Structure formats: C-alpha cells, structure tokens
C-alpha cells in the first residue's frame, strides 16, 4: 500500500485467516480460521495504525504509519524481537527499535529483518545458518544491528527459509548491489560457489553488476530480484526438476514484470499489463491450469520461458498485486477483489473450507460501505494470509 493512500485519514481494517495455532493470526485464539477474521488491533497511540505487514513461517511483523514495529505469533527462536523466546498472541512493540524510524521489514521462517530510514539493518531470530549476518551462527531474541553494513545504506531486506538477501541502492559508480548470507546449499545466496553451505558474513551476489534493482524477494530456498526495466532475475533452488542456479540469471521473456512473489515450489510474477504468470509448483493444486501443468516438460535453461504459464481464470481482470505463501497464492484485482488458490489445508484460502483450489477464487472481506472506496493489499505467510483494507472517505 502506497504511503499517499494510507495517510489520508481513513479507517484501516486488518483481516487474517488460515493456520493460527501459534497465534500468528492475531485473533488471540490458538486455532485455524477458515474464513477472514476482522482483527481488533490497537492503533498503538502515537505510532499510528498498521500500514504494512510481513508474514513468515508462523510470525508477523507489522510496520505502523509512523515507522514503529509491532510483532506477534511464534517467538520460540526470538524472531519477534521482544527480548525472549516466547510466542505472543497480542501485537507488541519491538522496544529496541522504538528510537528509530523503520521503513522496511521482512519475515523468514524463523528470523526477521528490519531496515531504518537511515539505512541501518537489524536482524533477530534463528541464526543457526548465519542468516542474521552477524559473522556467526548465534540466535538473538532482540534486534541486533548488522555491523557489516555500518558504512553502507541498506534499502531492503528479504528473508527466506534459512537465508537473507539485502539490497543496497547505489549512487554514482557504485551501482545497486545485492548481498546474501545464511544457507547457500541450493545456490540461493548467488555467490557463484557450487559447494557453498552457509555464509554468516554478507557477501555480494555475482551476476547483477550494472543492473538497477528495484526489489528483492526470498522464500524457501529461492531468491529473486526485479530490475527497473522489468527484467526478472532468479537464483537458488530450481523449480520442478530444473537444476539449482548458483548465481542470478535473467529469465528469458519479452514480458515486462513489475512484481514477483516466491513460494516454496512456485513463483508468481505480475506484468505491467496486469497479467499474472507462474513458474513451477505442481503440488496441492497450486497450478492455475492442472491439465496444462501436467503436460509441461522440464526444459533447458535456453527455453525456460515455456515454463512460465499464465494463470487461468483471470480473463478480463487487471491484477494490481500478488503474494505467495508456502504453497498457496493470492492476488488483488484492480476492482479490489482478493482471489486465492493452491494449498488450503489450514483454511489459508479464506473460502470457509480446507480444500485445495486449482484456480483463483474470490475471498469476501465484508461489504464496502457506500460512498467510500478502498485500497487492499494481501500478504501470505507459510500457511496463513493477511489483508489490509484502507477505507478512504470519498472527497466531496
């Protein structure tokens, strides 16, 4: 959700559904929810309402309009940043970050990353693979500044299963740079060493030199980056039976991509024309077209574009946002409809049942009041889903 939309003074609603046995749904109940639940979350007084979310394995990071961070859900690895290793049913401020204005957050399987407006990076949670970037494999229950980037300006962090990516926006001759740290056995760090097991000190990826990067993403053992000219770069675990890729490679395509969302076995990409395509993911009905999916051959790198399939059932709809969980997918259309499909065992599709779905199905969040319009953004955790709905009064 863009800053200029969320700061217009309208009401903000937060909805959640899916796996909830670690308190990650914010409902105060330790149970799954098969239909979207409207949460009664506090406004955190001077910090303002929640404006952005990051969903991990079973925890949630939330950023308020004033740049403060609150977290809830599973905390047994210290990923909530509260100074302990205790799960939390209620959102709590991350006190060690209260003196900073935070601009970006990311949640991995059991670790978390936070970026301030001054370009400082903090991490906490499970560090057993070096994914916190502190030069060791220790875990931390409070955010710790990543000293490697003390003289650099971090723009974004993306946390995967057991690895992390960091984007530095360059100036002058330095250019943009992506760094990786953590588990690298499937090539997800992009450091061009086939036998890399793990790295605890951030190391620059190889293959993105001279490329202007606008966003990075990580999930499972996959990594991705989008360039300013709409090219998609991927590395890490191969999709389907394709080989692992140990340094970023540009996906051959004539399409211009604006968003990417990674799952454990699939990837969604959104084009500038509002079309959604998928790569990989033939489990739990995650493919939009199962018949076509069963016929897809696993091709060589030279013909990878043929593996990129258009998501079926969206004819005539302009999609504005995409999200991916472990094995489920979600999107938002231009007319503010959420659609989900894929794995549904925990109710993460929000359809009132636990069935898998092979094509996008509409999710109902409640009736929109007359005389108002809304901005909606959807977020996926491993087996759960959140949505932020900003109800903005019409200008008369």
Protein backbone atom coordinates (compact mmCIF):
# COMPACT_ATOMS: atom_id res chain seq x y z
CA UNK A 1 0.00 0.00 0.00
CA UNK A 2 1.45 3.32 -1.03
CA UNK A 3 2.24 5.98 1.56
CA UNK A 4 -0.02 8.59 -0.06
CA UNK A 5 -3.00 6.25 0.18
CA UNK A 6 -2.58 5.10 3.74
CA UNK A 7 -2.04 8.60 5.12
CA UNK A 8 -5.38 10.08 4.02
CA UNK A 9 -7.02 9.56 7.40
CA UNK A 10 -9.45 6.79 6.51
CA UNK A 11 -10.18 3.69 8.55
CA UNK A 12 -7.77 0.75 8.32
CA UNK A 13 -9.02 -2.82 8.72
CA UNK A 14 -6.80 -5.87 9.13
CA UNK A 15 -8.12 -9.32 8.29
CA UNK A 16 -6.48 -12.74 8.75
CA UNK A 17 -7.23 -16.39 8.04
CA UNK A 18 -5.53 -19.80 7.82
CA UNK A 19 -3.11 -21.51 10.21
CA UNK A 20 -3.33 -19.97 13.68
CA UNK A 21 -2.03 -22.47 16.20
CA UNK A 22 0.98 -20.25 17.05
CA UNK A 23 -1.06 -17.09 17.47
CA UNK A 24 0.06 -15.72 14.12
CA UNK A 25 -3.46 -14.65 13.07
CA UNK A 26 -3.72 -12.05 15.83
CA UNK A 27 -7.18 -13.27 16.86
CA UNK A 28 -5.98 -14.19 20.42
CA UNK A 29 -7.09 -17.76 19.64
CA UNK A 30 -4.72 -20.68 19.04
CA UNK A 31 -6.70 -22.19 16.20
CA UNK A 32 -7.07 -22.13 12.43
CA UNK A 33 -9.62 -19.85 10.81
CA UNK A 34 -11.26 -20.87 7.53
CA UNK A 35 -12.87 -17.50 6.86
CA UNK A 36 -11.36 -13.99 7.10
CA UNK A 37 -11.45 -12.58 10.62
CA UNK A 38 -11.59 -8.84 11.23
CA UNK A 39 -8.99 -8.12 13.90
CA UNK A 40 -9.43 -5.77 16.82
CA UNK A 41 -5.88 -4.47 16.87
CA UNK A 42 -4.88 -1.33 18.77
CA UNK A 43 -3.77 1.82 16.97
CA UNK A 44 -0.66 1.98 19.18
CA UNK A 45 -1.48 5.57 20.13
CA UNK A 46 1.18 7.92 18.78
CA UNK A 47 2.63 5.26 16.47
CA UNK A 48 -0.45 5.35 14.24
CA UNK A 49 -2.25 2.42 12.62
CA UNK A 50 -0.58 -0.56 11.00
CA UNK A 51 0.20 0.12 7.36
CA UNK A 52 2.38 -2.77 6.16
CA UNK A 53 2.89 -6.44 7.09
CA UNK A 54 5.47 -9.17 6.63
CA UNK A 55 4.39 -12.78 7.24
CA UNK A 56 6.86 -15.57 8.00
CA UNK A 57 6.72 -19.22 8.98
CA UNK A 58 4.34 -18.54 11.88
CA UNK A 59 5.02 -14.95 12.90
CA UNK A 60 4.03 -11.49 11.70
CA UNK A 61 5.90 -8.19 11.60
CA UNK A 62 3.86 -5.01 11.27
CA UNK A 63 5.00 -1.50 10.43
CA UNK A 64 2.95 1.48 11.60
CA UNK A 65 2.47 4.71 9.68
CA UNK A 66 4.99 6.39 11.99
CA UNK A 67 7.72 3.82 11.37
CA UNK A 68 7.35 1.71 14.53
CA UNK A 69 7.37 -2.10 14.57
CA UNK A 70 4.99 -4.47 16.33
CA UNK A 71 5.17 -8.27 16.14
CA UNK A 72 3.19 -11.34 17.17
CA UNK A 73 2.92 -15.10 16.63
CA UNK A 74 5.57 -17.75 17.13
CA UNK A 75 8.57 -16.45 19.03
CA UNK A 76 10.40 -19.60 20.06
CA UNK A 77 13.54 -18.61 18.12
CA UNK A 78 13.49 -14.98 19.20
CA UNK A 79 12.08 -13.84 15.85
CA UNK A 80 9.60 -11.42 17.47
CA UNK A 81 12.43 -9.29 18.85
CA UNK A 82 10.88 -8.91 22.32
CA UNK A 83 13.98 -9.99 24.23
CA UNK A 84 12.70 -13.52 24.91
CA UNK A 85 11.83 -16.71 23.08
CA UNK A 86 8.13 -16.69 23.86
CA UNK A 87 5.23 -16.68 21.42
CA UNK A 88 2.76 -13.80 21.61
CA UNK A 89 -0.98 -13.78 20.93
CA UNK A 90 -1.10 -9.99 21.03
CA UNK A 91 0.88 -7.47 18.96
CA UNK A 92 3.73 -5.98 20.98
CA UNK A 93 6.10 -3.11 20.22
CA UNK A 94 9.70 -4.05 19.46
CA UNK A 95 11.14 -1.80 22.13
CA UNK A 96 14.74 -1.84 20.92
CA UNK A 97 13.64 -0.24 17.65
CA UNK A 98 11.45 2.49 19.15
CA UNK A 99 14.11 5.18 18.77
CA UNK A 100 14.32 4.54 15.02
CA UNK A 101 12.01 5.22 12.12
CA UNK A 102 11.71 1.89 10.33
CA UNK A 103 10.90 1.75 6.62
CA UNK A 104 11.10 -1.92 5.69
CA UNK A 105 10.60 -5.31 7.39
CA UNK A 106 10.80 -8.93 6.28
CA UNK A 107 9.91 -12.23 7.97
CA UNK A 108 11.59 -15.55 7.19
CA UNK A 109 10.73 -18.98 8.51
CA UNK A 110 12.07 -18.16 11.97
CA UNK A 111 14.10 -14.97 11.61
CA UNK A 112 13.30 -11.32 10.99
CA UNK A 113 14.90 -8.27 9.40
CA UNK A 114 14.27 -4.55 9.90
CA UNK A 115 15.57 -1.53 7.93
CA UNK A 116 15.58 2.06 9.22
CA UNK A 117 15.21 5.28 7.27
CA UNK A 118 18.93 5.90 7.80
CA UNK A 119 19.81 2.61 6.06
CA UNK A 120 20.65 0.60 9.18
CA UNK A 121 19.84 -3.14 9.19
CA UNK A 122 18.77 -5.10 12.27
CA UNK A 123 18.08 -8.84 12.48
CA UNK A 124 16.90 -11.30 15.12
CA UNK A 125 15.66 -14.86 15.50
CA UNK A 126 17.23 -18.12 14.39
CA UNK A 127 20.82 -17.63 13.30
CA UNK A 128 21.94 -21.24 13.10
CA UNK A 129 22.76 -20.96 9.38
CA UNK A 130 24.28 -17.48 9.57
CA UNK A 131 21.08 -15.90 8.22
CA UNK A 132 21.30 -12.97 10.68
CA UNK A 133 24.53 -11.74 9.06
CA UNK A 134 26.50 -11.18 12.27
CA UNK A 135 29.50 -13.33 11.35
CA UNK A 136 28.46 -16.30 13.49
CA UNK A 137 25.64 -18.80 13.83
CA UNK A 138 24.15 -17.46 17.04
CA UNK A 139 20.46 -16.72 17.51
CA UNK A 140 19.22 -13.43 19.01
CA UNK A 141 15.93 -12.64 20.73
CA UNK A 142 16.31 -8.87 20.29
CA UNK A 143 17.19 -6.99 17.08
CA UNK A 144 20.94 -6.62 16.60
CA UNK A 145 22.46 -4.16 14.16
CA UNK A 146 24.32 -5.85 11.29
CA UNK A 147 27.70 -4.13 11.58
CA UNK A 148 28.83 -5.21 8.11
CA UNK A 149 26.59 -2.51 6.63
CA UNK A 150 27.63 0.29 9.04
CA UNK A 151 29.19 2.33 6.25
CA UNK A 152 26.52 1.41 3.69
CA UNK A 153 22.87 2.34 3.18
CA UNK A 154 20.53 -0.66 3.21
CA UNK A 155 17.31 -0.19 1.26
CA UNK A 156 15.57 -3.58 1.59
CA UNK A 157 15.91 -6.99 3.22
CA UNK A 158 14.25 -10.23 2.12
CA UNK A 159 14.20 -13.22 4.48
CA UNK A 160 13.80 -16.75 3.13
CA UNK A 161 13.68 -20.11 4.84
CA UNK A 162 17.26 -20.02 6.16
CA UNK A 163 18.86 -17.22 4.17
CA UNK A 164 18.62 -13.47 3.73
CA UNK A 165 19.12 -11.01 0.90
CA UNK A 166 19.91 -7.31 1.24
CA UNK A 167 19.57 -4.58 -1.39
CA UNK A 168 21.85 -1.56 -1.38
CA UNK A 169 20.80 1.26 -3.69
CA UNK A 170 23.93 2.67 -5.22
CA UNK A 171 24.90 6.17 -6.14
CA UNK A 172 27.35 7.20 -8.80
CA UNK A 173 29.73 4.46 -9.89
CA UNK A 174 28.88 2.06 -7.07
CA UNK A 175 25.53 0.98 -8.54
CA UNK A 176 22.99 -1.26 -6.87
CA UNK A 177 24.23 -4.31 -5.01
CA UNK A 178 22.53 -7.41 -3.62
CA UNK A 179 24.14 -9.30 -0.73
CA UNK A 180 23.33 -12.78 0.55
CA UNK A 181 24.01 -14.63 3.80
CA UNK A 182 22.78 -17.78 5.51
CA UNK A 183 22.23 -21.20 3.99
CA UNK A 184 23.53 -21.43 0.44
CA UNK A 185 23.42 -25.13 -0.40
CA UNK A 186 20.86 -24.63 -3.20
CA UNK A 187 22.59 -21.57 -4.64
CA UNK A 188 20.16 -19.09 -3.05
CA UNK A 189 22.94 -16.73 -1.93
CA UNK A 190 24.07 -16.14 -5.51
CA UNK A 191 27.77 -16.07 -4.67
CA UNK A 192 28.82 -18.37 -7.53
CA UNK A 193 30.27 -21.19 -5.44
CA UNK A 194 28.53 -24.50 -6.05
CA UNK A 195 29.64 -26.04 -2.77
CA UNK A 196 28.64 -23.11 -0.52
CA UNK A 197 26.90 -24.50 2.57
CA UNK A 198 26.39 -21.32 4.54
CA UNK A 199 27.82 -17.84 4.95
CA UNK A 200 27.45 -15.76 8.12
CA UNK A 201 29.08 -12.60 6.78
CA UNK A 202 27.20 -10.83 3.95
CA UNK A 203 28.70 -11.44 0.53
CA UNK A 204 27.82 -9.72 -2.75
CA UNK A 205 25.96 -11.79 -5.32
CA UNK A 206 27.53 -12.36 -8.70
CA UNK A 207 25.75 -11.53 -11.94
CA UNK A 208 23.84 -8.35 -11.15
CA UNK A 209 26.64 -5.89 -11.86
CA UNK A 210 25.35 -2.81 -13.63
CA UNK A 211 21.69 -3.77 -13.13
CA UNK A 212 19.36 -1.27 -11.45
CA UNK A 213 17.35 -3.33 -8.92
CA UNK A 214 14.01 -2.10 -7.60
CA UNK A 215 13.03 -5.05 -5.37
CA UNK A 216 14.24 -8.37 -3.99
CA UNK A 217 12.36 -11.42 -2.71
CA UNK A 218 13.21 -14.65 -0.89
CA UNK A 219 11.20 -17.69 0.21
CA UNK A 220 12.11 -21.30 0.79
CA UNK A 221 15.46 -21.78 -0.95
CA UNK A 222 14.60 -19.35 -3.76
CA UNK A 223 15.83 -15.82 -4.44
CA UNK A 224 14.70 -13.22 -6.96
CA UNK A 225 15.26 -9.61 -7.99
CA UNK A 226 13.38 -7.26 -10.29
CA UNK A 227 15.20 -4.66 -12.38
CA UNK A 228 13.99 -1.17 -13.19
CA UNK A 229 13.47 -2.17 -16.83
CA UNK A 230 11.16 -5.05 -15.91
CA UNK A 231 13.58 -7.97 -16.11
CA UNK A 232 13.37 -10.81 -13.59
CA UNK A 233 16.46 -12.46 -12.12
CA UNK A 234 16.20 -15.72 -10.18
CA UNK A 235 18.67 -17.99 -8.40
CA UNK A 236 18.65 -20.81 -5.87
CA UNK A 237 16.61 -23.98 -5.88
CA UNK A 238 15.31 -24.97 -9.31
CA UNK A 239 11.57 -25.08 -9.94
CA UNK A 240 10.20 -28.54 -10.66
CA UNK A 241 13.06 -30.79 -11.75
CA UNK A 242 15.22 -27.99 -13.14
CA UNK A 243 18.72 -27.63 -11.76
CA UNK A 244 19.68 -25.28 -8.96
CA UNK A 245 21.04 -21.92 -10.10
CA UNK A 246 24.02 -20.58 -8.14
CA UNK A 247 24.08 -17.01 -9.42
CA UNK A 248 21.35 -14.66 -10.68
CA UNK A 249 20.08 -15.38 -14.18
CA UNK A 250 17.71 -13.25 -16.17
CA UNK A 251 14.53 -15.09 -17.11
CA UNK A 252 14.28 -15.00 -20.91
CA UNK A 253 10.99 -13.26 -21.65
CA UNK A 254 9.61 -10.44 -23.74
CA UNK A 255 7.29 -9.52 -20.83
CA UNK A 256 7.87 -6.53 -18.54
CA UNK A 257 7.49 -7.58 -14.91
CA UNK A 258 6.51 -5.25 -12.06
CA UNK A 259 6.19 -7.65 -9.08
CA UNK A 260 7.48 -11.07 -8.05
CA UNK A 261 6.30 -13.35 -5.22
CA UNK A 262 8.11 -16.56 -4.25
CA UNK A 263 6.63 -19.68 -2.66
CA UNK A 264 8.38 -22.88 -1.68
CA UNK A 265 7.81 -24.59 -5.03
CA UNK A 266 6.41 -21.86 -7.25
CA UNK A 267 6.81 -18.25 -8.27
CA UNK A 268 4.27 -15.64 -9.30
CA UNK A 269 5.11 -12.66 -11.49
CA UNK A 270 2.94 -9.68 -12.41
CA UNK A 271 3.31 -7.80 -15.68
CA UNK A 272 2.81 -4.11 -16.29
CA UNK A 273 -0.37 -5.03 -18.13
CA UNK A 274 -1.90 -6.63 -15.03
CA UNK A 275 -1.40 -10.26 -16.09
CA UNK A 276 -0.17 -12.97 -13.69
CA UNK A 277 2.17 -15.79 -14.67
CA UNK A 278 3.52 -18.75 -12.68
CA UNK A 279 6.67 -20.80 -12.75
CA UNK A 280 6.84 -24.24 -11.14
CA UNK A 281 4.54 -25.51 -8.41
CA UNK A 282 2.52 -28.59 -9.35
CA UNK A 283 1.67 -29.58 -5.78
CA UNK A 284 -1.55 -29.02 -3.81
CA UNK A 285 -3.34 -27.63 -6.87
CA UNK A 286 -1.13 -24.58 -6.97
CA UNK A 287 -1.07 -24.51 -10.77
CA UNK A 288 -3.72 -22.38 -12.42
CA UNK A 289 -4.21 -24.94 -15.21
CA UNK A 290 -3.63 -28.53 -13.99
CA UNK A 291 -4.04 -30.11 -17.44
CA UNK A 292 -1.51 -27.78 -18.99
CA UNK A 293 0.72 -28.16 -15.97
CA UNK A 294 0.82 -31.94 -16.29
CA UNK A 295 2.00 -31.60 -19.88
CA UNK A 296 4.77 -29.10 -19.25
CA UNK A 297 8.19 -30.50 -19.99
CA UNK A 298 11.15 -29.57 -17.84
CA UNK A 299 13.18 -27.67 -20.37
CA UNK A 300 16.74 -26.49 -20.69
CA UNK A 301 17.83 -23.06 -19.48
CA UNK A 302 17.74 -21.78 -23.06
CA UNK A 303 13.98 -22.36 -23.27
CA UNK A 304 12.86 -21.60 -19.72
CA UNK A 305 10.24 -19.11 -20.92
CA UNK A 306 7.99 -22.02 -21.95
CA UNK A 307 7.69 -22.98 -18.28
CA UNK A 308 6.14 -19.61 -17.49
CA UNK A 309 2.38 -20.18 -17.53
CA UNK A 310 -0.37 -17.60 -17.49
CA UNK A 311 -2.69 -18.08 -14.51
CA UNK A 312 -6.07 -19.19 -15.79
CA UNK A 313 -9.46 -17.84 -14.73
CA UNK A 314 -8.48 -14.16 -14.72
CA UNK A 315 -9.67 -13.17 -18.19
CA UNK A 316 -10.62 -9.52 -18.35
CA UNK A 317 -9.30 -8.79 -14.85
CA UNK A 318 -6.48 -6.37 -14.24
CA UNK A 319 -4.33 -7.57 -11.32
CA UNK A 320 -2.52 -4.95 -9.22
CA UNK A 321 -0.79 -7.04 -6.53
CA UNK A 322 0.38 -10.64 -5.92
CA UNK A 323 1.52 -12.66 -2.90
CA UNK A 324 2.71 -16.24 -2.33
CA UNK A 325 2.77 -18.49 0.73
CA UNK A 326 4.43 -21.87 1.07
CA UNK A 327 2.09 -23.49 -1.46
CA UNK A 328 -0.79 -21.07 -1.86
CA UNK A 329 -1.18 -17.89 -3.86
CA UNK A 330 -3.16 -14.67 -3.61
CA UNK A 331 -3.78 -11.58 -5.70
CA UNK A 332 -5.74 -8.34 -5.69
CA UNK A 333 -7.58 -7.10 -8.77
CA UNK A 334 -7.98 -3.52 -9.89
CA UNK A 335 -11.58 -3.53 -8.59
CA UNK A 336 -10.27 -4.54 -5.13
CA UNK A 337 -11.18 -8.22 -5.12
CA UNK A 338 -8.88 -10.74 -3.39
CA UNK A 339 -8.52 -14.11 -5.10
CA UNK A 340 -6.69 -17.16 -3.71
CA UNK A 341 -5.78 -20.64 -4.88
CA UNK A 342 -3.46 -23.56 -4.11
CA UNK A 343 -2.99 -25.39 -0.80
CA UNK A 344 -5.96 -24.95 1.52
CA UNK A 345 -5.44 -27.43 4.38
CA UNK A 346 -5.47 -24.77 7.11
CA UNK A 347 -8.11 -22.52 5.59
CA UNK A 348 -5.46 -20.16 4.22
CA UNK A 349 -7.54 -19.59 1.08
CA UNK A 350 -10.26 -17.92 3.17
CA UNK A 351 -13.11 -19.78 1.45
CA UNK A 352 -14.68 -21.38 4.52
CA UNK A 353 -13.18 -24.84 3.93
CA UNK A 354 -9.87 -26.72 3.81
CA UNK A 355 -9.94 -27.76 0.17
CA UNK A 356 -7.19 -27.07 -2.34
CA UNK A 357 -8.15 -24.92 -5.31
CA UNK A 358 -6.68 -25.15 -8.81
CA UNK A 359 -7.89 -21.74 -9.97
CA UNK A 360 -8.31 -18.32 -8.29
CA UNK A 361 -11.39 -17.99 -6.07
CA UNK A 362 -12.83 -14.74 -4.70
CA UNK A 363 -12.48 -14.04 -0.97
CA UNK A 364 -15.08 -11.92 0.80
CA UNK A 365 -13.90 -9.47 3.47
CA UNK A 366 -17.28 -7.90 4.17
CA UNK A 367 -19.40 -5.27 2.46
CA UNK A 368 -17.88 -2.00 1.35
CA UNK A 369 -19.80 0.98 2.68
CA UNK A 370 -21.49 3.20 0.08
CA UNK A 371 -19.77 6.48 -0.70
CA UNK A 372 -16.33 5.04 0.07
CA UNK A 373 -13.60 3.29 -1.84
CA UNK A 374 -10.88 1.03 -0.56
CA UNK A 375 -7.26 0.14 -1.06
CA UNK A 376 -6.46 -3.53 -0.38
CA UNK A 377 -3.16 -5.36 -0.07
CA UNK A 378 -2.74 -9.08 0.66
CA UNK A 379 0.15 -10.86 2.41
CA UNK A 380 0.91 -14.60 2.67
CA UNK A 381 2.71 -16.49 5.42
CA UNK A 382 3.64 -20.15 5.09
CA UNK A 383 0.06 -21.37 5.72
CA UNK A 384 -1.88 -18.22 6.52
CA UNK A 385 -2.99 -14.99 4.88
CA UNK A 386 -3.49 -11.35 5.90
CA UNK A 387 -5.12 -8.41 4.20
CA UNK A 388 -5.01 -4.68 4.92
CA UNK A 389 -8.07 -2.77 3.81
CA UNK A 390 -7.97 1.01 3.90
CA UNK A 391 -11.42 2.55 3.81
CA UNK A 392 -10.99 6.04 2.44
CA UNK A 393 -13.86 8.54 2.61
CA UNK A 394 -14.87 9.90 -0.77
CA UNK A 395 -13.91 13.52 -1.44
CA UNK A 396 -16.98 15.72 -1.91
